[in-house]
Amino acid sequence: MLTPLSRALATVRKPVTTILVAGISMLATVPSAFAHPHVWIDANAEFVFENDKITAVHVRWLFDDLFSMTMIDEFDQNHDTRFFGDENTAVHDNAFAALAEFSWLTHLRRNEELVSFAGATDFVADITDDRRVSYDFKLMLETPLDPITDAISLSVYDAEYYIDVAYTQVDPVLFAGAKNLSCHFEMSEDEKNRIYFDLVAPVRADVICAAKVADNSSSRGLAPGDFVLVE
């Protein structure tokens, strides 16, 4: 029996099931402990702030070589190794939109409670110079989140482990528009929210923000980057 996400992926990516059919069949016939991911995504996320509150999460995915090849073969109709116009729309409608049912594999928590996104906007699919398909999109929040008063965390994963989503090694989490806040993140394995029959602890990024402290010390007229000669 197919898992819900497997069925969704088979529907969402119906034109590109060359790769996925084998994986779906495997999930239906082998013991769960031996099933493994069939698509790999490198992901990073940027928290978008307005008035020092989180209003959206800007997400970028980079797919593995094999799945990218199938996507390119199916959707790059003019063979220019880019997705433009109708090609981008086709990717969105056939290989992205239905993932809304699974929170776009992006899981935001406030005080350990999942927060639903209002929707996805600004979707752009593209192809990198090394022929890997990328998705760029923004997940909007209905109500802004305050990272000062609430504990905010973000995880990227497929709970059924059909897709392996992992944070990038470089700049996995960024912050944009936090004018009066100083923010950073701390990565850890989320043991409290294990997935895939409790076999996998997804990586979570905990957001830590604090109000910026005004620097009242005297610089004696020096600007950042000035040099002082010491004799």
C-alpha atoms as a PDB file:
ATOM      1  CA  MET A   1       0.000   0.000   0.000  1.00  0.00           C
ATOM      2  CA  LEU A   2       1.397   3.393  -0.946  1.00  0.00           C
ATOM      3  CA  THR A   3       2.038   6.001   1.710  1.00  0.00           C
ATOM      4  CA  PRO A   4       0.134   9.336   1.438  1.00  0.00           C
ATOM      5  CA  LEU A   5       3.206  11.279   0.360  1.00  0.00           C
ATOM      6  CA  SER A   6       4.158   8.601  -2.147  1.00  0.00           C
ATOM      7  CA  ARG A   7       0.713   8.882  -3.729  1.00  0.00           C
ATOM      8  CA  ALA A   8       0.985  12.655  -3.785  1.00  0.00           C
ATOM      9  CA  LEU A   9       4.391  12.537  -5.391  1.00  0.00           C
ATOM     10  CA  ALA A  10       3.150  10.069  -7.981  1.00  0.00           C
ATOM     11  CA  THR A  11       0.366  12.536  -8.799  1.00  0.00           C
ATOM     12  CA  VAL A  12       2.401  15.706  -8.519  1.00  0.00           C
ATOM     13  CA  ARG A  13       5.216  14.373 -10.643  1.00  0.00           C
ATOM     14  CA  LYS A  14       3.175  12.124 -12.893  1.00  0.00           C
ATOM     15  CA  PRO A  15       5.176  13.130 -15.987  1.00  0.00           C
ATOM     16  CA  VAL A  16       8.470  12.413 -14.237  1.00  0.00           C
ATOM     17  CA  THR A  17       7.776   9.064 -12.596  1.00  0.00           C
ATOM     18  CA  THR A  18      10.657   7.406 -14.441  1.00  0.00           C
ATOM     19  CA  ILE A  19      12.712   7.739 -11.266  1.00  0.00           C
ATOM     20  CA  LEU A  20       9.974   7.636  -8.677  1.00  0.00           C
ATOM     21  CA  VAL A  21       8.073   4.527  -9.784  1.00  0.00           C
ATOM     22  CA  ALA A  22      10.870   2.228  -8.678  1.00  0.00           C
ATOM     23  CA  GLY A  23      10.991   3.933  -5.299  1.00  0.00           C
ATOM     24  CA  ILE A  24       7.244   3.847  -4.836  1.00  0.00           C
ATOM     25  CA  SER A  25       7.156   0.150  -5.706  1.00  0.00           C
ATOM     26  CA  MET A  26       9.945  -0.510  -3.234  1.00  0.00           C
ATOM     27  CA  LEU A  27       8.078   1.237  -0.445  1.00  0.00           C
ATOM     28  CA  ALA A  28       5.041  -0.900  -1.156  1.00  0.00           C
ATOM     29  CA  THR A  29       6.872  -4.236  -1.128  1.00  0.00           C
ATOM     30  CA  VAL A  30       9.853  -4.134   1.212  1.00  0.00           C
ATOM     31  CA  PRO A  31       9.908  -3.892   5.016  1.00  0.00           C
ATOM     32  CA  SER A  32       9.754  -0.331   6.275  1.00  0.00           C
ATOM     33  CA  ALA A  33      13.136  -0.485   7.959  1.00  0.00           C
ATOM     34  CA  PHE A  34      14.817  -1.099   4.591  1.00  0.00           C
ATOM     35  CA  ALA A  35      13.053   1.660   2.652  1.00  0.00           C
ATOM     36  CA  HIS A  36      15.214   4.678   1.932  1.00  0.00           C
ATOM     37  CA  PRO A  37      15.000   8.093   0.275  1.00  0.00           C
ATOM     38  CA  HIS A  38      14.653   8.253  -3.481  1.00  0.00           C
ATOM     39  CA  VAL A  39      14.981  12.007  -3.970  1.00  0.00           C
ATOM     40  CA  TRP A  40      17.523  14.252  -2.235  1.00  0.00           C
ATOM     41  CA  ILE A  41      17.180  17.982  -1.599  1.00  0.00           C
ATOM     42  CA  ASP A  42      19.733  20.453  -0.233  1.00  0.00           C
ATOM     43  CA  ALA A  43      17.785  23.247   1.445  1.00  0.00           C
ATOM     44  CA  ASN A  44      18.394  26.576   3.054  1.00  0.00           C
ATOM     45  CA  ALA A  45      15.951  29.013   4.604  1.00  0.00           C
ATOM     46  CA  GLU A  46      15.863  32.739   5.219  1.00  0.00           C
ATOM     47  CA  PHE A  47      13.612  34.194   7.896  1.00  0.00           C
ATOM     48  CA  VAL A  48      11.960  37.356   6.593  1.00  0.00           C
ATOM     49  CA  PHE A  49      11.259  40.065   9.175  1.00  0.00           C
ATOM     50  CA  GLU A  50       8.956  43.068   9.168  1.00  0.00           C
ATOM     51  CA  ASN A  51       8.896  45.339  12.226  1.00  0.00           C
ATOM     52  CA  ASP A  52      11.167  42.779  13.913  1.00  0.00           C
ATOM     53  CA  LYS A  53       8.585  40.007  13.571  1.00  0.00           C
ATOM     54  CA  ILE A  54       8.913  36.936  11.340  1.00  0.00           C
ATOM     55  CA  THR A  55       6.410  37.211   8.488  1.00  0.00           C
ATOM     56  CA  ALA A  56       7.699  34.611   6.023  1.00  0.00           C
ATOM     57  CA  VAL A  57      10.334  31.985   5.346  1.00  0.00           C
ATOM     58  CA  HIS A  58      12.188  32.196   2.034  1.00  0.00           C
ATOM     59  CA  VAL A  59      13.208  28.676   0.994  1.00  0.00           C
ATOM     60  CA  ARG A  60      15.609  27.416  -1.653  1.00  0.00           C
ATOM     61  CA  TRP A  61      15.898  23.763  -2.718  1.00  0.00           C
ATOM     62  CA  LEU A  62      18.554  22.120  -4.849  1.00  0.00           C
ATOM     63  CA  PHE A  63      17.672  18.641  -6.147  1.00  0.00           C
ATOM     64  CA  ASP A  64      20.025  15.728  -6.680  1.00  0.00           C
ATOM     65  CA  ASP A  65      21.563  15.081 -10.106  1.00  0.00           C
ATOM     66  CA  LEU A  66      19.371  12.136 -11.077  1.00  0.00           C
ATOM     67  CA  PHE A  67      16.023  13.669 -10.265  1.00  0.00           C
ATOM     68  CA  SER A  68      17.170  16.942 -11.846  1.00  0.00           C
ATOM     69  CA  MET A  69      17.943  15.110 -15.074  1.00  0.00           C
ATOM     70  CA  THR A  70      14.403  13.726 -15.233  1.00  0.00           C
ATOM     71  CA  MET A  71      12.892  17.141 -14.463  1.00  0.00           C
ATOM     72  CA  ILE A  72      14.970  18.765 -17.188  1.00  0.00           C
ATOM     73  CA  ASP A  73      14.035  16.119 -19.736  1.00  0.00           C
ATOM     74  CA  GLU A  74      10.356  16.609 -18.985  1.00  0.00           C
ATOM     75  CA  PHE A  75       9.978  20.365 -18.531  1.00  0.00           C
ATOM     76  CA  ASP A  76      12.810  22.064 -20.465  1.00  0.00           C
ATOM     77  CA  GLN A  77      10.860  22.073 -23.696  1.00  0.00           C
ATOM     78  CA  ASN A  78      13.213  24.354 -25.664  1.00  0.00           C
ATOM     79  CA  HIS A  79      16.374  22.685 -24.321  1.00  0.00           C
ATOM     80  CA  ASP A  80      18.017  25.918 -23.146  1.00  0.00           C
ATOM     81  CA  THR A  81      18.761  24.480 -19.683  1.00  0.00           C
ATOM     82  CA  ARG A  82      16.509  27.062 -18.035  1.00  0.00           C
ATOM     83  CA  PHE A  83      12.877  27.154 -16.952  1.00  0.00           C
ATOM     84  CA  PHE A  84      11.094  30.243 -18.255  1.00  0.00           C
ATOM     85  CA  GLY A  85       7.459  31.254 -18.731  1.00  0.00           C
ATOM     86  CA  ASP A  86       5.204  28.293 -19.413  1.00  0.00           C
ATOM     87  CA  GLU A  87       7.983  25.883 -18.414  1.00  0.00           C
ATOM     88  CA  ASN A  88       8.154  27.420 -14.945  1.00  0.00           C
ATOM     89  CA  THR A  89       4.362  27.282 -14.672  1.00  0.00           C
ATOM     90  CA  ALA A  90       4.368  23.625 -15.664  1.00  0.00           C
ATOM     91  CA  VAL A  91       6.954  22.792 -13.004  1.00  0.00           C
ATOM     92  CA  HIS A  92       4.916  24.649 -10.391  1.00  0.00           C
ATOM     93  CA  ASP A  93       1.625  22.998 -11.310  1.00  0.00           C
ATOM     94  CA  ASN A  94       2.960  19.464 -11.791  1.00  0.00           C
ATOM     95  CA  ALA A  95       5.897  19.196  -9.408  1.00  0.00           C
ATOM     96  CA  PHE A  96       5.333  21.658  -6.560  1.00  0.00           C
ATOM     97  CA  ALA A  97       1.777  22.797  -5.851  1.00  0.00           C
ATOM     98  CA  ALA A  98       0.500  19.562  -4.271  1.00  0.00           C
ATOM     99  CA  LEU A  99       3.279  19.615  -1.693  1.00  0.00           C
ATOM    100  CA  ALA A 100       1.198  22.206   0.156  1.00  0.00           C
ATOM    101  CA  GLU A 101      -0.507  19.215   1.772  1.00  0.00           C
ATOM    102  CA  PHE A 102       2.824  18.406   3.401  1.00  0.00           C
ATOM    103  CA  SER A 103       3.738  21.947   4.430  1.00  0.00           C
ATOM    104  CA  TRP A 104       6.221  22.086   1.557  1.00  0.00           C
ATOM    105  CA  LEU A 105       8.476  19.786   3.633  1.00  0.00           C
ATOM    106  CA  THR A 106       9.180  22.831   5.830  1.00  0.00           C
ATOM    107  CA  HIS A 107       8.098  22.639   9.465  1.00  0.00           C
ATOM    108  CA  LEU A 108       7.981  25.755  11.611  1.00  0.00           C
ATOM    109  CA  ARG A 109       7.349  25.535  15.339  1.00  0.00           C
ATOM    110  CA  ARG A 110       6.479  28.147  17.938  1.00  0.00           C
ATOM    111  CA  ASN A 111       6.942  26.935  21.505  1.00  0.00           C
ATOM    112  CA  GLU A 112       7.065  23.382  20.099  1.00  0.00           C
ATOM    113  CA  GLU A 113       3.677  23.732  18.356  1.00  0.00           C
ATOM    114  CA  LEU A 114       3.552  23.476  14.561  1.00  0.00           C
ATOM    115  CA  VAL A 115       2.661  26.691  12.757  1.00  0.00           C
ATOM    116  CA  SER A 116       0.749  26.450   9.473  1.00  0.00           C
ATOM    117  CA  PHE A 117       1.815  28.560   6.524  1.00  0.00           C
ATOM    118  CA  ALA A 118      -0.769  30.703   4.762  1.00  0.00           C
ATOM    119  CA  GLY A 119       0.598  29.747   1.366  1.00  0.00           C
ATOM    120  CA  ALA A 120       3.560  29.724  -0.989  1.00  0.00           C
ATOM    121  CA  THR A 121       4.402  32.668  -3.248  1.00  0.00           C
ATOM    122  CA  ASP A 122       7.145  33.808  -5.626  1.00  0.00           C
ATOM    123  CA  PHE A 123       7.861  30.306  -6.919  1.00  0.00           C
ATOM    124  CA  VAL A 124      10.725  30.086  -9.395  1.00  0.00           C
ATOM    125  CA  ALA A 125      12.254  26.890 -10.754  1.00  0.00           C
ATOM    126  CA  ASP A 126      15.616  27.054 -12.462  1.00  0.00           C
ATOM    127  CA  ILE A 127      18.562  24.965 -13.594  1.00  0.00           C
ATOM    128  CA  THR A 128      22.071  25.577 -12.275  1.00  0.00           C
ATOM    129  CA  ASP A 129      25.228  25.569 -14.381  1.00  0.00           C
ATOM    130  CA  ASP A 130      25.920  22.008 -13.241  1.00  0.00           C
ATOM    131  CA  ARG A 131      22.413  20.962 -14.342  1.00  0.00           C
ATOM    132  CA  ARG A 132      20.718  20.656 -10.983  1.00  0.00           C
ATOM    133  CA  VAL A 133      17.133  21.829 -10.631  1.00  0.00           C
ATOM    134  CA  SER A 134      16.458  24.464  -7.997  1.00  0.00           C
ATOM    135  CA  TYR A 135      13.250  25.745  -6.432  1.00  0.00           C
ATOM    136  CA  ASP A 136      12.977  29.191  -4.890  1.00  0.00           C
ATOM    137  CA  PHE A 137       9.788  30.149  -3.022  1.00  0.00           C
ATOM    138  CA  LYS A 138       8.455  32.063  -0.046  1.00  0.00           C
ATOM    139  CA  LEU A 139       6.187  30.602   2.639  1.00  0.00           C
ATOM    140  CA  MET A 140       3.934  33.249   4.144  1.00  0.00           C
ATOM    141  CA  LEU A 141       2.632  33.396   7.708  1.00  0.00           C
ATOM    142  CA  GLU A 142      -0.901  34.474   8.600  1.00  0.00           C
ATOM    143  CA  THR A 143       0.281  35.931  11.905  1.00  0.00           C
ATOM    144  CA  PRO A 144       3.806  37.314  12.444  1.00  0.00           C
ATOM    145  CA  LEU A 145       5.952  35.524  15.019  1.00  0.00           C
ATOM    146  CA  ASP A 146       7.956  37.242  17.723  1.00  0.00           C
ATOM    147  CA  PRO A 147      11.324  35.509  18.198  1.00  0.00           C
ATOM    148  CA  ILE A 148      11.936  37.444  21.413  1.00  0.00           C
ATOM    149  CA  THR A 149       8.899  36.226  23.334  1.00  0.00           C
ATOM    150  CA  ASP A 150       8.486  32.824  21.661  1.00  0.00           C
ATOM    151  CA  ALA A 151      10.797  29.879  20.982  1.00  0.00           C
ATOM    152  CA  ILE A 152      11.012  29.497  17.197  1.00  0.00           C
ATOM    153  CA  SER A 153      12.489  26.522  15.353  1.00  0.00           C
ATOM    154  CA  LEU A 154      12.536  25.315  11.763  1.00  0.00           C
ATOM    155  CA  SER A 155      13.060  21.817  10.374  1.00  0.00           C
ATOM    156  CA  VAL A 156      13.106  20.602   6.774  1.00  0.00           C
ATOM    157  CA  TYR A 157      12.073  16.998   6.249  1.00  0.00           C
ATOM    158  CA  ASP A 158       9.675  14.501   4.731  1.00  0.00           C
ATOM    159  CA  ALA A 159       8.097  12.617   7.622  1.00  0.00           C
ATOM    160  CA  GLU A 160       7.870   9.454   5.513  1.00  0.00           C
ATOM    161  CA  TYR A 161      11.543   9.759   4.525  1.00  0.00           C
ATOM    162  CA  TYR A 162      10.698   9.251   0.861  1.00  0.00           C
ATOM    163  CA  ILE A 163      12.587  12.479   0.200  1.00  0.00           C
ATOM    164  CA  ASP A 164      15.758  13.266   2.122  1.00  0.00           C
ATOM    165  CA  VAL A 165      15.807  17.004   2.815  1.00  0.00           C
ATOM    166  CA  ALA A 166      18.968  18.327   4.457  1.00  0.00           C
ATOM    167  CA  TYR A 167      20.208  21.777   5.347  1.00  0.00           C
ATOM    168  CA  THR A 168      23.099  23.058   3.252  1.00  0.00           C
ATOM    169  CA  GLN A 169      26.539  23.145   4.843  1.00  0.00           C
ATOM    170  CA  VAL A 170      27.024  26.826   3.966  1.00  0.00           C
ATOM    171  CA  ASP A 171      24.472  29.414   5.126  1.00  0.00           C
ATOM    172  CA  PRO A 172      21.714  26.940   6.014  1.00  0.00           C
ATOM    173  CA  VAL A 173      19.724  29.663   7.803  1.00  0.00           C
ATOM    174  CA  LEU A 174      19.751  33.397   7.131  1.00  0.00           C
ATOM    175  CA  PHE A 175      17.880  36.444   8.428  1.00  0.00           C
ATOM    176  CA  ALA A 176      16.560  39.388   6.414  1.00  0.00           C
ATOM    177  CA  GLY A 177      14.996  42.619   7.659  1.00  0.00           C
ATOM    178  CA  ALA A 178      15.658  42.197  11.384  1.00  0.00           C
ATOM    179  CA  LYS A 179      16.671  45.842  11.812  1.00  0.00           C
ATOM    180  CA  ASN A 180      16.622  46.067  15.594  1.00  0.00           C
ATOM    181  CA  LEU A 181      17.417  42.454  16.390  1.00  0.00           C
ATOM    182  CA  SER A 182      20.569  40.415  16.431  1.00  0.00           C
ATOM    183  CA  CYS A 183      19.703  36.849  15.423  1.00  0.00           C
ATOM    184  CA  HIS A 184      21.544  33.571  15.034  1.00  0.00           C
ATOM    185  CA  PHE A 185      20.616  29.900  14.905  1.00  0.00           C
ATOM    186  CA  GLU A 186      21.664  26.722  16.668  1.00  0.00           C
ATOM    187  CA  MET A 187      21.437  23.320  14.968  1.00  0.00           C
ATOM    188  CA  SER A 188      20.566  20.121  16.791  1.00  0.00           C
ATOM    189  CA  GLU A 189      18.826  16.793  16.253  1.00  0.00           C
ATOM    190  CA  ASP A 190      15.159  17.030  17.162  1.00  0.00           C
ATOM    191  CA  GLU A 191      14.745  14.021  19.426  1.00  0.00           C
ATOM    192  CA  LYS A 192      11.290  15.199  20.527  1.00  0.00           C
ATOM    193  CA  ASN A 193       9.889  15.022  17.002  1.00  0.00           C
ATOM    194  CA  ARG A 194      11.435  11.918  15.462  1.00  0.00           C
ATOM    195  CA  ILE A 195      10.116  10.767  12.066  1.00  0.00           C
ATOM    196  CA  TYR A 196       9.868   7.627   9.978  1.00  0.00           C
ATOM    197  CA  PHE A 197       8.816   5.135  12.658  1.00  0.00           C
ATOM    198  CA  ASP A 198      11.062   6.935  15.180  1.00  0.00           C
ATOM    199  CA  LEU A 199      14.152   5.902  13.214  1.00  0.00           C
ATOM    200  CA  VAL A 200      15.237   9.417  12.203  1.00  0.00           C
ATOM    201  CA  ALA A 201      15.752  12.551  14.275  1.00  0.00           C
ATOM    202  CA  PRO A 202      15.448  15.503  11.872  1.00  0.00           C
ATOM    203  CA  VAL A 203      17.800  18.422  12.229  1.00  0.00           C
ATOM    204  CA  ARG A 204      16.203  21.571  13.603  1.00  0.00           C
ATOM    205  CA  ALA A 205      17.395  25.149  13.581  1.00  0.00           C
ATOM    206  CA  ASP A 206      16.498  27.015  16.760  1.00  0.00           C
ATOM    207  CA  VAL A 207      16.269  30.762  16.252  1.00  0.00           C
ATOM    208  CA  ILE A 208      17.790  32.953  18.944  1.00  0.00           C
ATOM    209  CA  CYS A 209      17.187  36.698  18.741  1.00  0.00           C
ATOM    210  CA  ALA A 210      17.947  39.578  21.063  1.00  0.00           C
ATOM    211  CA  ALA A 211      17.418  43.305  20.847  1.00  0.00           C
ATOM    212  CA  LYS A 212      20.445  45.150  19.591  1.00  0.00           C
ATOM    213  CA  VAL A 213      22.228  47.155  22.265  1.00  0.00           C
ATOM    214  CA  ALA A 214      23.205  50.681  21.330  1.00  0.00           C
ATOM    215  CA  ASP A 215      26.946  51.270  21.525  1.00  0.00           C
ATOM    216  CA  ASN A 216      27.458  54.504  23.448  1.00  0.00           C
ATOM    217  CA  SER A 217      31.227  54.198  23.669  1.00  0.00           C
ATOM    218  CA  SER A 218      33.259  56.958  22.068  1.00  0.00           C
ATOM    219  CA  SER A 219      35.092  56.154  18.864  1.00  0.00           C
ATOM    220  CA  ARG A 220      37.021  59.451  18.991  1.00  0.00           C
ATOM    221  CA  GLY A 221      35.806  60.229  15.516  1.00  0.00           C
ATOM    222  CA  LEU A 222      37.025  56.971  13.968  1.00  0.00           C
ATOM    223  CA  ALA A 223      34.869  55.151  11.470  1.00  0.00           C
ATOM    224  CA  PRO A 224      34.808  51.378  11.042  1.00  0.00           C
ATOM    225  CA  GLY A 225      37.750  50.340   8.901  1.00  0.00           C
ATOM    226  CA  ASP A 226      39.950  53.340   9.856  1.00  0.00           C
ATOM    227  CA  PHE A 227      43.553  52.564  10.752  1.00  0.00           C
ATOM    228  CA  VAL A 228      45.406  53.954  13.769  1.00  0.00           C
ATOM    229  CA  LEU A 229      49.165  54.265  13.742  1.00  0.00           C
ATOM    230  CA  VAL A 230      50.678  53.138  17.027  1.00  0.00           C
ATOM    231  CA  GLU A 231      54.284  54.175  17.622  1.00  0.00           C
END
